[in-house]
Amino acid sequence: GVRLFEDYAYMTRAGLLKSARGAGLQQRLISARVAYARRAGLPKITTYVWAGNIASMRSLCKQGFLPTRWERTERGDNGQTFIHMAKQLQPSLAKPLTRAA
């Protein structure tokens, strides 16, 4: 799903059954959630992924998400690292860089 906030959207956790993997479904699910946030007029969408889940990170990167920070949690003896990722949806108000003459 997607949670909408005042200035960003947050893509909640999602996963696929092993039998559904490899058919592009994850890409379509990400695209649908990004489109929903874009229609809501929000400037960016964020999410996070477990650092060991390379397939999910690849899916997000293919959709234009970039890593923004990492977070280490301490849960019992097995701490986990998560990568937070974001995608800009609206054009930045900053002027684009131009080449000097």
Protein backbone atom coordinates (compact mmCIF):
# COMPACT_ATOMS: atom_id res chain seq x y z
CA GLY A 1 0.00 0.00 0.00
CA VAL A 2 0.83 3.68 0.14
CA ARG A 3 0.43 6.08 3.03
CA LEU A 4 -0.01 9.71 2.06
CA PHE A 5 1.44 12.47 4.21
CA GLU A 6 1.49 16.23 3.73
CA ASP A 7 4.73 16.39 1.75
CA TYR A 8 5.53 12.80 0.74
CA ALA A 9 4.13 9.32 0.22
CA TYR A 10 5.40 6.25 2.03
CA MET A 11 5.32 2.90 0.25
CA THR A 12 4.53 0.23 2.84
CA ARG A 13 6.04 -3.21 2.82
CA ALA A 14 5.05 -5.63 0.10
CA GLY A 15 6.29 -8.98 -1.09
CA LEU A 16 5.61 -11.68 -3.63
CA LEU A 17 5.18 -15.39 -3.25
CA LYS A 18 8.03 -17.34 -4.83
CA SER A 19 5.61 -18.69 -7.43
CA ALA A 20 4.83 -15.11 -8.58
CA ARG A 21 8.43 -13.96 -8.97
CA GLY A 22 10.10 -13.37 -12.30
CA ALA A 23 7.04 -12.16 -14.22
CA GLY A 24 7.47 -8.40 -13.66
CA LEU A 25 4.70 -8.21 -11.07
CA GLN A 26 6.84 -6.39 -8.50
CA GLN A 27 7.67 -3.71 -11.10
CA ARG A 28 3.97 -3.24 -11.88
CA LEU A 29 3.11 -2.99 -8.18
CA ILE A 30 5.78 -0.36 -7.60
CA SER A 31 4.64 1.56 -10.70
CA ALA A 32 1.03 1.56 -9.49
CA ARG A 33 1.98 2.92 -6.07
CA VAL A 34 4.23 5.60 -7.59
CA ALA A 35 1.41 6.63 -9.95
CA TYR A 36 -1.00 6.88 -7.00
CA ALA A 37 1.40 9.19 -5.12
CA ARG A 38 1.99 11.25 -8.26
CA ARG A 39 -1.78 11.69 -8.79
CA ALA A 40 -2.01 12.88 -5.19
CA GLY A 41 0.40 15.68 -6.16
CA LEU A 42 3.14 14.70 -3.74
CA PRO A 43 6.76 15.63 -4.50
CA LYS A 44 8.36 12.33 -3.46
CA ILE A 45 7.76 8.77 -2.39
CA THR A 46 9.86 6.86 0.13
CA THR A 47 10.28 3.30 1.36
CA TYR A 48 12.85 1.02 2.92
CA VAL A 49 14.27 -2.40 2.19
CA TRP A 50 16.25 -4.93 4.21
CA ALA A 51 19.88 -4.61 3.15
CA GLY A 52 20.07 -8.31 2.30
CA ASN A 53 17.14 -8.15 -0.12
CA ILE A 54 19.05 -7.39 -3.31
CA ALA A 55 16.10 -8.28 -5.58
CA SER A 56 13.89 -5.63 -3.94
CA MET A 57 16.65 -3.03 -4.10
CA ARG A 58 17.09 -3.74 -7.81
CA SER A 59 13.35 -3.41 -8.41
CA LEU A 60 13.27 -0.06 -6.64
CA CYS A 61 16.36 1.21 -8.48
CA LYS A 62 14.80 0.25 -11.83
CA GLN A 63 11.88 2.50 -10.89
CA GLY A 64 14.17 5.45 -10.11
CA PHE A 65 14.48 5.10 -6.33
CA LEU A 66 17.81 6.12 -4.81
CA PRO A 67 19.22 5.23 -1.39
CA THR A 68 18.97 8.09 1.10
CA ARG A 69 20.26 6.57 4.35
CA TRP A 70 20.75 3.31 6.20
CA GLU A 71 19.52 2.27 9.63
CA ARG A 72 20.73 -0.47 11.93
CA THR A 73 18.21 -1.94 14.36
CA GLU A 74 19.03 -4.07 17.36
CA ARG A 75 16.55 -6.90 17.65
CA GLY A 76 17.82 -9.61 19.96
CA ASP A 77 21.21 -10.93 18.93
CA ASN A 78 20.50 -10.38 15.22
CA GLY A 79 20.55 -6.69 14.43
CA GLN A 80 19.32 -5.83 10.95
CA THR A 81 20.29 -3.11 8.51
CA PHE A 82 17.69 -1.35 6.39
CA ILE A 83 18.25 0.93 3.40
CA HIS A 84 15.84 3.86 3.09
CA MET A 85 15.13 4.86 -0.52
CA ALA A 86 13.27 7.73 -2.18
CA LYS A 87 12.10 8.86 -5.59
CA GLN A 88 11.39 12.47 -6.59
CA LEU A 89 7.99 12.73 -8.30
CA GLN A 90 7.70 16.43 -9.00
CA PRO A 91 10.33 18.56 -10.71
CA SER A 92 12.65 20.33 -8.31
CA LEU A 93 12.32 24.12 -8.07
CA ALA A 94 16.10 24.42 -8.42
CA LYS A 95 17.40 25.66 -11.74
CA PRO A 96 19.11 22.99 -13.83
CA LEU A 97 22.87 23.14 -14.13
CA THR A 98 24.15 24.66 -17.35
CA ARG A 99 27.49 24.27 -19.04
CA ALA A 100 29.77 27.29 -18.85
CA ALA A 101 30.51 28.85 -22.24
